[in-house]
Amino acid sequence: YYERNLSLVKELGDRAAQGRAYGNLGN
């Protein structure tokens, strides 16, 4: 689900949300 979120927020150009997704994917 984080991966799906990440690809969508990349599409939306939302950098802050990308940061959150990367952090949670890392965890």
mmCIF file of all heavy atoms, coordinates in Angstrom:
data_MODEL
# 
_entry.id   MODEL 
# 
loop_
_atom_site.group_PDB 
_atom_site.id 
_atom_site.type_symbol 
_atom_site.label_atom_id 
_atom_site.label_alt_id 
_atom_site.label_comp_id 
_atom_site.label_asym_id 
_atom_site.label_entity_id 
_atom_site.label_seq_id 
_atom_site.pdbx_PDB_ins_code 
_atom_site.Cartn_x 
_atom_site.Cartn_y 
_atom_site.Cartn_z 
_atom_site.occupancy 
_atom_site.B_iso_or_equiv 
_atom_site.pdbx_formal_charge 
_atom_site.auth_seq_id 
_atom_site.auth_comp_id 
_atom_site.auth_asym_id 
_atom_site.auth_atom_id 
_atom_site.pdbx_PDB_model_num 
ATOM 1   N N   . TYR A 1 1  ? 0.830  -1.217 0.000   1.00 0.00 ? 1  TYR A N   1 
ATOM 2   C CA  . TYR A 1 1  ? 0.000  0.000  0.000   1.00 0.00 ? 1  TYR A CA  1 
ATOM 3   C C   . TYR A 1 1  ? 0.858  1.258  0.000   1.00 0.00 ? 1  TYR A C   1 
ATOM 4   O O   . TYR A 1 1  ? 0.523  2.246  -0.667  1.00 0.00 ? 1  TYR A O   1 
ATOM 5   C CB  . TYR A 1 1  ? -0.986 -0.011 1.173   1.00 0.00 ? 1  TYR A CB  1 
ATOM 6   C CG  . TYR A 1 1  ? -2.209 -0.850 0.871   1.00 0.00 ? 1  TYR A CG  1 
ATOM 7   C CD1 . TYR A 1 1  ? -2.325 -2.142 1.358   1.00 0.00 ? 1  TYR A CD1 1 
ATOM 8   C CD2 . TYR A 1 1  ? -3.227 -0.354 0.061   1.00 0.00 ? 1  TYR A CD2 1 
ATOM 9   C CE1 . TYR A 1 1  ? -3.443 -2.926 1.061   1.00 0.00 ? 1  TYR A CE1 1 
ATOM 10  C CE2 . TYR A 1 1  ? -4.350 -1.119 -0.249  1.00 0.00 ? 1  TYR A CE2 1 
ATOM 11  C CZ  . TYR A 1 1  ? -4.449 -2.403 0.256   1.00 0.00 ? 1  TYR A CZ  1 
ATOM 12  O OH  . TYR A 1 1  ? -5.553 -3.172 -0.052  1.00 0.00 ? 1  TYR A OH  1 
ATOM 13  N N   . TYR A 1 2  ? 1.980  1.251  0.714   1.00 0.00 ? 2  TYR A N   1 
ATOM 14  C CA  . TYR A 1 2  ? 2.894  2.408  0.683   1.00 0.00 ? 2  TYR A CA  1 
ATOM 15  C C   . TYR A 1 2  ? 3.459  2.609  -0.724  1.00 0.00 ? 2  TYR A C   1 
ATOM 16  O O   . TYR A 1 2  ? 3.626  3.734  -1.168  1.00 0.00 ? 2  TYR A O   1 
ATOM 17  C CB  . TYR A 1 2  ? 4.031  2.233  1.688   1.00 0.00 ? 2  TYR A CB  1 
ATOM 18  C CG  . TYR A 1 2  ? 3.645  2.374  3.137   1.00 0.00 ? 2  TYR A CG  1 
ATOM 19  C CD1 . TYR A 1 2  ? 4.198  1.534  4.109   1.00 0.00 ? 2  TYR A CD1 1 
ATOM 20  C CD2 . TYR A 1 2  ? 2.749  3.358  3.567   1.00 0.00 ? 2  TYR A CD2 1 
ATOM 21  C CE1 . TYR A 1 2  ? 3.860  1.664  5.451   1.00 0.00 ? 2  TYR A CE1 1 
ATOM 22  C CE2 . TYR A 1 2  ? 2.403  3.498  4.901   1.00 0.00 ? 2  TYR A CE2 1 
ATOM 23  C CZ  . TYR A 1 2  ? 2.958  2.646  5.840   1.00 0.00 ? 2  TYR A CZ  1 
ATOM 24  O OH  . TYR A 1 2  ? 2.629  2.775  7.179   1.00 0.00 ? 2  TYR A OH  1 
ATOM 25  N N   . GLU A 1 3  ? 3.760  1.502  -1.409  1.00 0.00 ? 3  GLU A N   1 
ATOM 26  C CA  . GLU A 1 3  ? 4.269  1.578  -2.792  1.00 0.00 ? 3  GLU A CA  1 
ATOM 27  C C   . GLU A 1 3  ? 3.222  2.224  -3.708  1.00 0.00 ? 3  GLU A C   1 
ATOM 28  O O   . GLU A 1 3  ? 3.553  3.077  -4.531  1.00 0.00 ? 3  GLU A O   1 
ATOM 29  C CB  . GLU A 1 3  ? 4.608  0.179  -3.336  1.00 0.00 ? 3  GLU A CB  1 
ATOM 30  C CG  . GLU A 1 3  ? 5.835  -0.458 -2.714  1.00 0.00 ? 3  GLU A CG  1 
ATOM 31  C CD  . GLU A 1 3  ? 7.150  -0.078 -3.372  1.00 0.00 ? 3  GLU A CD  1 
ATOM 32  O OE1 . GLU A 1 3  ? 7.181  0.874  -4.179  1.00 0.00 ? 3  GLU A OE1 1 
ATOM 33  O OE2 . GLU A 1 3  ? 8.161  -0.741 -3.055  1.00 0.00 ? 3  GLU A OE2 1 
ATOM 34  N N   . ARG A 1 4  ? 1.963  1.790  -3.559  1.00 0.00 ? 4  ARG A N   1 
ATOM 35  C CA  . ARG A 1 4  ? 0.884  2.357  -4.379  1.00 0.00 ? 4  ARG A CA  1 
ATOM 36  C C   . ARG A 1 4  ? 0.698  3.842  -4.062  1.00 0.00 ? 4  ARG A C   1 
ATOM 37  O O   . ARG A 1 4  ? 0.464  4.655  -4.951  1.00 0.00 ? 4  ARG A O   1 
ATOM 38  C CB  . ARG A 1 4  ? -0.416 1.587  -4.143  1.00 0.00 ? 4  ARG A CB  1 
ATOM 39  C CG  . ARG A 1 4  ? -0.432 0.220  -4.816  1.00 0.00 ? 4  ARG A CG  1 
ATOM 40  C CD  . ARG A 1 4  ? -1.652 -0.598 -4.425  1.00 0.00 ? 4  ARG A CD  1 
ATOM 41  N NE  . ARG A 1 4  ? -2.904 0.014  -4.849  1.00 0.00 ? 4  ARG A NE  1 
ATOM 42  C CZ  . ARG A 1 4  ? -4.110 -0.438 -4.488  1.00 0.00 ? 4  ARG A CZ  1 
ATOM 43  N NH1 . ARG A 1 4  ? -4.226 -1.497 -3.704  1.00 0.00 ? 4  ARG A NH1 1 
ATOM 44  N NH2 . ARG A 1 4  ? -5.214 0.171  -4.917  1.00 0.00 ? 4  ARG A NH2 1 
ATOM 45  N N   . ASN A 1 5  ? 0.786  4.175  -2.775  1.00 0.00 ? 5  ASN A N   1 
ATOM 46  C CA  . ASN A 1 5  ? 0.695  5.577  -2.357  1.00 0.00 ? 5  ASN A CA  1 
ATOM 47  C C   . ASN A 1 5  ? 1.831  6.382  -2.982  1.00 0.00 ? 5  ASN A C   1 
ATOM 48  O O   . ASN A 1 5  ? 1.618  7.474  -3.519  1.00 0.00 ? 5  ASN A O   1 
ATOM 49  C CB  . ASN A 1 5  ? 0.738  5.676  -0.831  1.00 0.00 ? 5  ASN A CB  1 
ATOM 50  C CG  . ASN A 1 5  ? 1.022  7.089  -0.339  1.00 0.00 ? 5  ASN A CG  1 
ATOM 51  O OD1 . ASN A 1 5  ? 2.157  7.427  -0.033  1.00 0.00 ? 5  ASN A OD1 1 
ATOM 52  N ND2 . ASN A 1 5  ? 0.004  7.924  -0.272  1.00 0.00 ? 5  ASN A ND2 1 
ATOM 53  N N   . LEU A 1 6  ? 3.038  5.818  -2.923  1.00 0.00 ? 6  LEU A N   1 
ATOM 54  C CA  . LEU A 1 6  ? 4.217  6.516  -3.442  1.00 0.00 ? 6  LEU A CA  1 
ATOM 55  C C   . LEU A 1 6  ? 4.068  6.831  -4.926  1.00 0.00 ? 6  LEU A C   1 
ATOM 56  O O   . LEU A 1 6  ? 4.326  7.963  -5.355  1.00 0.00 ? 6  LEU A O   1 
ATOM 57  C CB  . LEU A 1 6  ? 5.484  5.675  -3.195  1.00 0.00 ? 6  LEU A CB  1 
ATOM 58  C CG  . LEU A 1 6  ? 6.799  6.278  -3.677  1.00 0.00 ? 6  LEU A CG  1 
ATOM 59  C CD1 . LEU A 1 6  ? 7.099  7.610  -2.995  1.00 0.00 ? 6  LEU A CD1 1 
ATOM 60  C CD2 . LEU A 1 6  ? 7.962  5.302  -3.435  1.00 0.00 ? 6  LEU A CD2 1 
ATOM 61  N N   . SER A 1 7  ? 3.624  5.847  -5.720  1.00 0.00 ? 7  SER A N   1 
ATOM 62  C CA  . SER A 1 7  ? 3.531  6.125  -7.163  1.00 0.00 ? 7  SER A CA  1 
ATOM 63  C C   . SER A 1 7  ? 2.463  7.185  -7.442  1.00 0.00 ? 7  SER A C   1 
ATOM 64  O O   . SER A 1 7  ? 2.633  8.005  -8.336  1.00 0.00 ? 7  SER A O   1 
ATOM 65  C CB  . SER A 1 7  ? 3.307  4.840  -7.956  1.00 0.00 ? 7  SER A CB  1 
ATOM 66  O OG  . SER A 1 7  ? 2.036  4.330  -7.685  1.00 0.00 ? 7  SER A OG  1 
ATOM 67  N N   . LEU A 1 8  ? 1.404  7.209  -6.630  1.00 0.00 ? 8  LEU A N   1 
ATOM 68  C CA  . LEU A 1 8  ? 0.351  8.215  -6.832  1.00 0.00 ? 8  LEU A CA  1 
ATOM 69  C C   . LEU A 1 8  ? 0.820  9.613  -6.413  1.00 0.00 ? 8  LEU A C   1 
ATOM 70  O O   . LEU A 1 8  ? 0.572  10.582 -7.129  1.00 0.00 ? 8  LEU A O   1 
ATOM 71  C CB  . LEU A 1 8  ? -0.908 7.796  -6.068  1.00 0.00 ? 8  LEU A CB  1 
ATOM 72  C CG  . LEU A 1 8  ? -2.197 8.571  -6.345  1.00 0.00 ? 8  LEU A CG  1 
ATOM 73  C CD1 . LEU A 1 8  ? -2.481 8.729  -7.827  1.00 0.00 ? 8  LEU A CD1 1 
ATOM 74  C CD2 . LEU A 1 8  ? -3.382 7.876  -5.662  1.00 0.00 ? 8  LEU A CD2 1 
ATOM 75  N N   . VAL A 1 9  ? 1.503  9.724  -5.281  1.00 0.00 ? 9  VAL A N   1 
ATOM 76  C CA  . VAL A 1 9  ? 1.960  11.064 -4.853  1.00 0.00 ? 9  VAL A CA  1 
ATOM 77  C C   . VAL A 1 9  ? 3.101  11.583 -5.735  1.00 0.00 ? 9  VAL A C   1 
ATOM 78  O O   . VAL A 1 9  ? 3.292  12.792 -5.847  1.00 0.00 ? 9  VAL A O   1 
ATOM 79  C CB  . VAL A 1 9  ? 2.329  11.139 -3.340  1.00 0.00 ? 9  VAL A CB  1 
ATOM 80  C CG1 . VAL A 1 9  ? 1.097  10.936 -2.483  1.00 0.00 ? 9  VAL A CG1 1 
ATOM 81  C CG2 . VAL A 1 9  ? 3.429  10.174 -2.960  1.00 0.00 ? 9  VAL A CG2 1 
ATOM 82  N N   . LYS A 1 10 ? 3.812  10.673 -6.392  1.00 0.00 ? 10 LYS A N   1 
ATOM 83  C CA  . LYS A 1 10 ? 4.798  11.103 -7.398  1.00 0.00 ? 10 LYS A CA  1 
ATOM 84  C C   . LYS A 1 10 ? 4.064  11.733 -8.575  1.00 0.00 ? 10 LYS A C   1 
ATOM 85  O O   . LYS A 1 10 ? 4.460  12.777 -9.075  1.00 0.00 ? 10 LYS A O   1 
ATOM 86  C CB  . LYS A 1 10 ? 5.632  9.908  -7.877  1.00 0.00 ? 10 LYS A CB  1 
ATOM 87  C CG  . LYS A 1 10 ? 6.806  9.570  -6.980  1.00 0.00 ? 10 LYS A CG  1 
ATOM 88  C CD  . LYS A 1 10 ? 7.603  8.421  -7.565  1.00 0.00 ? 10 LYS A CD  1 
ATOM 89  C CE  . LYS A 1 10 ? 8.843  8.123  -6.748  1.00 0.00 ? 10 LYS A CE  1 
ATOM 90  N NZ  . LYS A 1 10 ? 9.493  6.862  -7.190  1.00 0.00 ? 10 LYS A NZ  1 
ATOM 91  N N   . GLU A 1 11 ? 2.989  11.063 -8.997  1.00 0.00 ? 11 GLU A N   1 
ATOM 92  C CA  . GLU A 1 11 ? 2.144  11.555 -10.081 1.00 0.00 ? 11 GLU A CA  1 
ATOM 93  C C   . GLU A 1 11 ? 1.571  12.937 -9.727  1.00 0.00 ? 11 GLU A C   1 
ATOM 94  O O   . GLU A 1 11 ? 1.492  13.828 -10.574 1.00 0.00 ? 11 GLU A O   1 
ATOM 95  C CB  . GLU A 1 11 ? 0.989  10.551 -10.263 1.00 0.00 ? 11 GLU A CB  1 
ATOM 96  C CG  . GLU A 1 11 ? 0.295  10.557 -11.592 1.00 0.00 ? 11 GLU A CG  1 
ATOM 97  C CD  . GLU A 1 11 ? -0.884 9.567  -11.569 1.00 0.00 ? 11 GLU A CD  1 
ATOM 98  O OE1 . GLU A 1 11 ? -0.641 8.349  -11.358 1.00 0.00 ? 11 GLU A OE1 1 
ATOM 99  O OE2 . GLU A 1 11 ? -2.030 10.020 -11.731 1.00 0.00 ? 11 GLU A OE2 1 
ATOM 100 N N   . LEU A 1 12 ? 1.202  13.110 -8.452  1.00 0.00 ? 12 LEU A N   1 
ATOM 101 C CA  . LEU A 1 12 ? 0.633  14.384 -7.982  1.00 0.00 ? 12 LEU A CA  1 
ATOM 102 C C   . LEU A 1 12 ? 1.705  15.433 -7.681  1.00 0.00 ? 12 LEU A C   1 
ATOM 103 O O   . LEU A 1 12 ? 1.395  16.582 -7.397  1.00 0.00 ? 12 LEU A O   1 
ATOM 104 C CB  . LEU A 1 12 ? -0.216 14.150 -6.725  1.00 0.00 ? 12 LEU A CB  1 
ATOM 105 C CG  . LEU A 1 12 ? -1.491 13.308 -6.888  1.00 0.00 ? 12 LEU A CG  1 
ATOM 106 C CD1 . LEU A 1 12 ? -2.041 12.908 -5.535  1.00 0.00 ? 12 LEU A CD1 1 
ATOM 107 C CD2 . LEU A 1 12 ? -2.554 14.062 -7.681  1.00 0.00 ? 12 LEU A CD2 1 
ATOM 108 N N   . GLY A 1 13 ? 2.980  15.006 -7.688  1.00 0.00 ? 13 GLY A N   1 
ATOM 109 C CA  . GLY A 1 13 ? 4.088  15.926 -7.417  1.00 0.00 ? 13 GLY A CA  1 
ATOM 110 C C   . GLY A 1 13 ? 4.157  16.399 -5.971  1.00 0.00 ? 13 GLY A C   1 
ATOM 111 O O   . GLY A 1 13 ? 4.683  17.473 -5.689  1.00 0.00 ? 13 GLY A O   1 
ATOM 112 N N   . ASP A 1 14 ? 3.631  15.585 -5.056  1.00 0.00 ? 14 ASP A N   1 
ATOM 113 C CA  . ASP A 1 14 ? 3.618  15.958 -3.633  1.00 0.00 ? 14 ASP A CA  1 
ATOM 114 C C   . ASP A 1 14 ? 4.864  15.412 -2.935  1.00 0.00 ? 14 ASP A C   1 
ATOM 115 O O   . ASP A 1 14 ? 4.902  14.259 -2.508  1.00 0.00 ? 14 ASP A O   1 
ATOM 116 C CB  . ASP A 1 14 ? 2.337  15.413 -2.981  1.00 0.00 ? 14 ASP A CB  1 
ATOM 117 C CG  . ASP A 1 14 ? 2.177  15.846 -1.531  1.00 0.00 ? 14 ASP A CG  1 
ATOM 118 O OD1 . ASP A 1 14 ? 3.171  16.276 -0.906  1.00 0.00 ? 14 ASP A OD1 1 
ATOM 119 O OD2 . ASP A 1 14 ? 1.042  15.742 -1.020  1.00 0.00 ? 14 ASP A OD2 1 
ATOM 120 N N   . ARG A 1 15 ? 5.884  16.264 -2.830  1.00 0.00 ? 15 ARG A N   1 
ATOM 121 C CA  . ARG A 1 15 ? 7.179  15.827 -2.280  1.00 0.00 ? 15 ARG A CA  1 
ATOM 122 C C   . ARG A 1 15 ? 7.094  15.450 -0.802  1.00 0.00 ? 15 ARG A C   1 
ATOM 123 O O   . ARG A 1 15 ? 7.734  14.498 -0.367  1.00 0.00 ? 15 ARG A O   1 
ATOM 124 C CB  . ARG A 1 15 ? 8.243  16.921 -2.461  1.00 0.00 ? 15 ARG A CB  1 
ATOM 125 C CG  . ARG A 1 15 ? 8.750  17.087 -3.861  1.00 0.00 ? 15 ARG A CG  1 
ATOM 126 C CD  . ARG A 1 15 ? 9.506  15.901 -4.386  1.00 0.00 ? 15 ARG A CD  1 
ATOM 127 N NE  . ARG A 1 15 ? 10.899 15.851 -3.965  1.00 0.00 ? 15 ARG A NE  1 
ATOM 128 C CZ  . ARG A 1 15 ? 11.681 14.783 -4.107  1.00 0.00 ? 15 ARG A CZ  1 
ATOM 129 N NH1 . ARG A 1 15 ? 11.212 13.677 -4.619  1.00 0.00 ? 15 ARG A NH1 1 
ATOM 130 N NH2 . ARG A 1 15 ? 12.939 14.804 -3.713  1.00 0.00 ? 15 ARG A NH2 1 
ATOM 131 N N   . ALA A 1 16 ? 6.335  16.217 -0.036  1.00 0.00 ? 16 ALA A N   1 
ATOM 132 C CA  . ALA A 1 16 ? 6.237  15.934 1.406   1.00 0.00 ? 16 ALA A CA  1 
ATOM 133 C C   . ALA A 1 16 ? 5.637  14.544 1.628   1.00 0.00 ? 16 ALA A C   1 
ATOM 134 O O   . ALA A 1 16 ? 6.129  13.768 2.458   1.00 0.00 ? 16 ALA A O   1 
ATOM 135 C CB  . ALA A 1 16 ? 5.397  16.995 2.100   1.00 0.00 ? 16 ALA A CB  1 
ATOM 136 N N   . ALA A 1 17 ? 4.594  14.215 0.856   1.00 0.00 ? 17 ALA A N   1 
ATOM 137 C CA  . ALA A 1 17 ? 3.954  12.899 0.972   1.00 0.00 ? 17 ALA A CA  1 
ATOM 138 C C   . ALA A 1 17 ? 4.905  11.785 0.510   1.00 0.00 ? 17 ALA A C   1 
ATOM 139 O O   . ALA A 1 17 ? 4.911  10.694 1.072   1.00 0.00 ? 17 ALA A O   1 
ATOM 140 C CB  . ALA A 1 17 ? 2.662  12.860 0.167   1.00 0.00 ? 17 ALA A CB  1 
ATOM 141 N N   . GLN A 1 18 ? 5.729  12.100 -0.493  1.00 0.00 ? 18 GLN A N   1 
ATOM 142 C CA  . GLN A 1 18 ? 6.734  11.123 -0.945  1.00 0.00 ? 18 GLN A CA  1 
ATOM 143 C C   . GLN A 1 18 ? 7.709  10.819 0.191   1.00 0.00 ? 18 GLN A C   1 
ATOM 144 O O   . GLN A 1 18 ? 8.077  9.667  0.413   1.00 0.00 ? 18 GLN A O   1 
ATOM 145 C CB  . GLN A 1 18 ? 7.511  11.661 -2.149  1.00 0.00 ? 18 GLN A CB  1 
ATOM 146 C CG  . GLN A 1 18 ? 6.716  11.663 -3.445  1.00 0.00 ? 18 GLN A CG  1 
ATOM 147 C CD  . GLN A 1 18 ? 7.424  12.437 -4.550  1.00 0.00 ? 18 GLN A CD  1 
ATOM 148 O OE1 . GLN A 1 18 ? 8.610  12.282 -4.775  1.00 0.00 ? 18 GLN A OE1 1 
ATOM 149 N NE2 . GLN A 1 18 ? 6.689  13.283 -5.247  1.00 0.00 ? 18 GLN A NE2 1 
ATOM 150 N N   . GLY A 1 19 ? 8.093  11.854 0.912   1.00 0.00 ? 19 GLY A N   1 
ATOM 151 C CA  . GLY A 1 19 ? 9.004  11.677 2.051   1.00 0.00 ? 19 GLY A CA  1 
ATOM 152 C C   . GLY A 1 19 ? 8.419  10.732 3.086   1.00 0.00 ? 19 GLY A C   1 
ATOM 153 O O   . GLY A 1 19 ? 9.090  9.816  3.558   1.00 0.00 ? 19 GLY A O   1 
ATOM 154 N N   . ARG A 1 20 ? 7.150  10.943 3.407   1.00 0.00 ? 20 ARG A N   1 
ATOM 155 C CA  . ARG A 1 20 ? 6.481  10.077 4.394   1.00 0.00 ? 20 ARG A CA  1 
ATOM 156 C C   . ARG A 1 20 ? 6.424  8.627  3.910   1.00 0.00 ? 20 ARG A C   1 
ATOM 157 O O   . ARG A 1 20 ? 6.676  7.695  4.667   1.00 0.00 ? 20 ARG A O   1 
ATOM 158 C CB  . ARG A 1 20 ? 5.071  10.591 4.693   1.00 0.00 ? 20 ARG A CB  1 
ATOM 159 C CG  . ARG A 1 20 ? 5.065  11.890 5.494   1.00 0.00 ? 20 ARG A CG  1 
ATOM 160 C CD  . ARG A 1 20 ? 3.679  12.218 6.020   1.00 0.00 ? 20 ARG A CD  1 
ATOM 161 N NE  . ARG A 1 20 ? 2.734  12.592 4.958   1.00 0.00 ? 20 ARG A NE  1 
ATOM 162 C CZ  . ARG A 1 20 ? 2.614  13.827 4.476   1.00 0.00 ? 20 ARG A CZ  1 
ATOM 163 N NH1 . ARG A 1 20 ? 3.389  14.803 4.931   1.00 0.00 ? 20 ARG A NH1 1 
ATOM 164 N NH2 . ARG A 1 20 ? 1.724  14.096 3.539   1.00 0.00 ? 20 ARG A NH2 1 
ATOM 165 N N   . ALA A 1 21 ? 6.099  8.460  2.633   1.00 0.00 ? 21 ALA A N   1 
ATOM 166 C CA  . ALA A 1 21 ? 6.010  7.104  2.064   1.00 0.00 ? 21 ALA A CA  1 
ATOM 167 C C   . ALA A 1 21 ? 7.366  6.406  2.100   1.00 0.00 ? 21 ALA A C   1 
ATOM 168 O O   . ALA A 1 21 ? 7.462  5.240  2.492   1.00 0.00 ? 21 ALA A O   1 
ATOM 169 C CB  . ALA A 1 21 ? 5.477  7.166  0.638   1.00 0.00 ? 21 ALA A CB  1 
ATOM 170 N N   . TYR A 1 22 ? 8.422  7.127  1.717   1.00 0.00 ? 22 TYR A N   1 
ATOM 171 C CA  . TYR A 1 22 ? 9.768  6.535  1.748   1.00 0.00 ? 22 TYR A CA  1 
ATOM 172 C C   . TYR A 1 22 ? 10.156 6.110  3.163   1.00 0.00 ? 22 TYR A C   1 
ATOM 173 O O   . TYR A 1 22 ? 10.713 5.031  3.365   1.00 0.00 ? 22 TYR A O   1 
ATOM 174 C CB  . TYR A 1 22 ? 10.807 7.520  1.202   1.00 0.00 ? 22 TYR A CB  1 
ATOM 175 C CG  . TYR A 1 22 ? 10.868 7.607  -0.303  1.00 0.00 ? 22 TYR A CG  1 
ATOM 176 C CD1 . TYR A 1 22 ? 10.742 8.834  -0.961  1.00 0.00 ? 22 TYR A CD1 1 
ATOM 177 C CD2 . TYR A 1 22 ? 11.076 6.469  -1.083  1.00 0.00 ? 22 TYR A CD2 1 
ATOM 178 C CE1 . TYR A 1 22 ? 10.810 8.921  -2.350  1.00 0.00 ? 22 TYR A CE1 1 
ATOM 179 C CE2 . TYR A 1 22 ? 11.144 6.545  -2.466  1.00 0.00 ? 22 TYR A CE2 1 
ATOM 180 C CZ  . TYR A 1 22 ? 11.009 7.773  -3.094  1.00 0.00 ? 22 TYR A CZ  1 
ATOM 181 O OH  . TYR A 1 22 ? 11.080 7.850  -4.465  1.00 0.00 ? 22 TYR A OH  1 
ATOM 182 N N   . GLY A 1 23 ? 9.862  6.967  4.134   1.00 0.00 ? 23 GLY A N   1 
ATOM 183 C CA  . GLY A 1 23 ? 10.205 6.646  5.526   1.00 0.00 ? 23 GLY A CA  1 
ATOM 184 C C   . GLY A 1 23 ? 9.508  5.380  5.993   1.00 0.00 ? 23 GLY A C   1 
ATOM 185 O O   . GLY A 1 23 ? 10.130 4.488  6.585   1.00 0.00 ? 23 GLY A O   1 
ATOM 186 N N   . ASN A 1 24 ? 8.216  5.273  5.683   1.00 0.00 ? 24 ASN A N   1 
ATOM 187 C CA  . ASN A 1 24 ? 7.459  4.095  6.112   1.00 0.00 ? 24 ASN A CA  1 
ATOM 188 C C   . ASN A 1 24 ? 7.855  2.841  5.344   1.00 0.00 ? 24 ASN A C   1 
ATOM 189 O O   . ASN A 1 24 ? 7.867  1.742  5.904   1.00 0.00 ? 24 ASN A O   1 
ATOM 190 C CB  . ASN A 1 24 ? 5.959  4.356  5.976   1.00 0.00 ? 24 ASN A CB  1 
ATOM 191 C CG  . ASN A 1 24 ? 5.447  5.227  7.108   1.00 0.00 ? 24 ASN A CG  1 
ATOM 192 O OD1 . ASN A 1 24 ? 5.969  5.175  8.216   1.00 0.00 ? 24 ASN A OD1 1 
ATOM 193 N ND2 . ASN A 1 24 ? 4.448  6.034  6.841   1.00 0.00 ? 24 ASN A ND2 1 
ATOM 194 N N   . LEU A 1 25 ? 8.182  2.995  4.060   1.00 0.00 ? 25 LEU A N   1 
ATOM 195 C CA  . LEU A 1 25 ? 8.692  1.850  3.293   1.00 0.00 ? 25 LEU A CA  1 
ATOM 196 C C   . LEU A 1 25 ? 10.011 1.367  3.891   1.00 0.00 ? 25 LEU A C   1 
ATOM 197 O O   . LEU A 1 25 ? 10.239 0.158  4.011   1.00 0.00 ? 25 LEU A O   1 
ATOM 198 C CB  . LEU A 1 25 ? 8.875  2.228  1.819   1.00 0.00 ? 25 LEU A CB  1 
ATOM 199 C CG  . LEU A 1 25 ? 7.608  2.152  0.978   1.00 0.00 ? 25 LEU A CG  1 
ATOM 200 C CD1 . LEU A 1 25 ? 7.773  2.917  -0.327  1.00 0.00 ? 25 LEU A CD1 1 
ATOM 201 C CD2 . LEU A 1 25 ? 7.220  0.702  0.692   1.00 0.00 ? 25 LEU A CD2 1 
ATOM 202 N N   . GLY A 1 26 ? 10.853 2.315  4.289   1.00 0.00 ? 26 GLY A N   1 
ATOM 203 C CA  . GLY A 1 26 ? 12.113 1.943  4.943   1.00 0.00 ? 26 GLY A CA  1 
ATOM 204 C C   . GLY A 1 26 ? 11.864 1.164  6.220   1.00 0.00 ? 26 GLY A C   1 
ATOM 205 O O   . GLY A 1 26 ? 12.496 0.140  6.476   1.00 0.00 ? 26 GLY A O   1 
ATOM 206 N N   . ASN A 1 27 ? 10.903 1.629  7.013   1.00 0.00 ? 27 ASN A N   1 
ATOM 207 C CA  . ASN A 1 27 ? 10.606 0.963  8.290   1.00 0.00 ? 27 ASN A CA  1 
ATOM 208 C C   . ASN A 1 27 ? 10.021 -0.432 8.101   1.00 0.00 ? 27 ASN A C   1 
ATOM 209 O O   . ASN A 1 27 ? 10.383 -1.361 8.829   1.00 0.00 ? 27 ASN A O   1 
ATOM 210 C CB  . ASN A 1 27 ? 9.651  1.827  9.127   1.00 0.00 ? 27 ASN A CB  1 
ATOM 211 C CG  . ASN A 1 27 ? 10.319 3.095  9.630   1.00 0.00 ? 27 ASN A CG  1 
ATOM 212 O OD1 . ASN A 1 27 ? 11.538 3.151  9.768   1.00 0.00 ? 27 ASN A OD1 1 
ATOM 213 N ND2 . ASN A 1 27 ? 9.541  4.124  9.879   1.00 0.00 ? 27 ASN A ND2 1 
# 
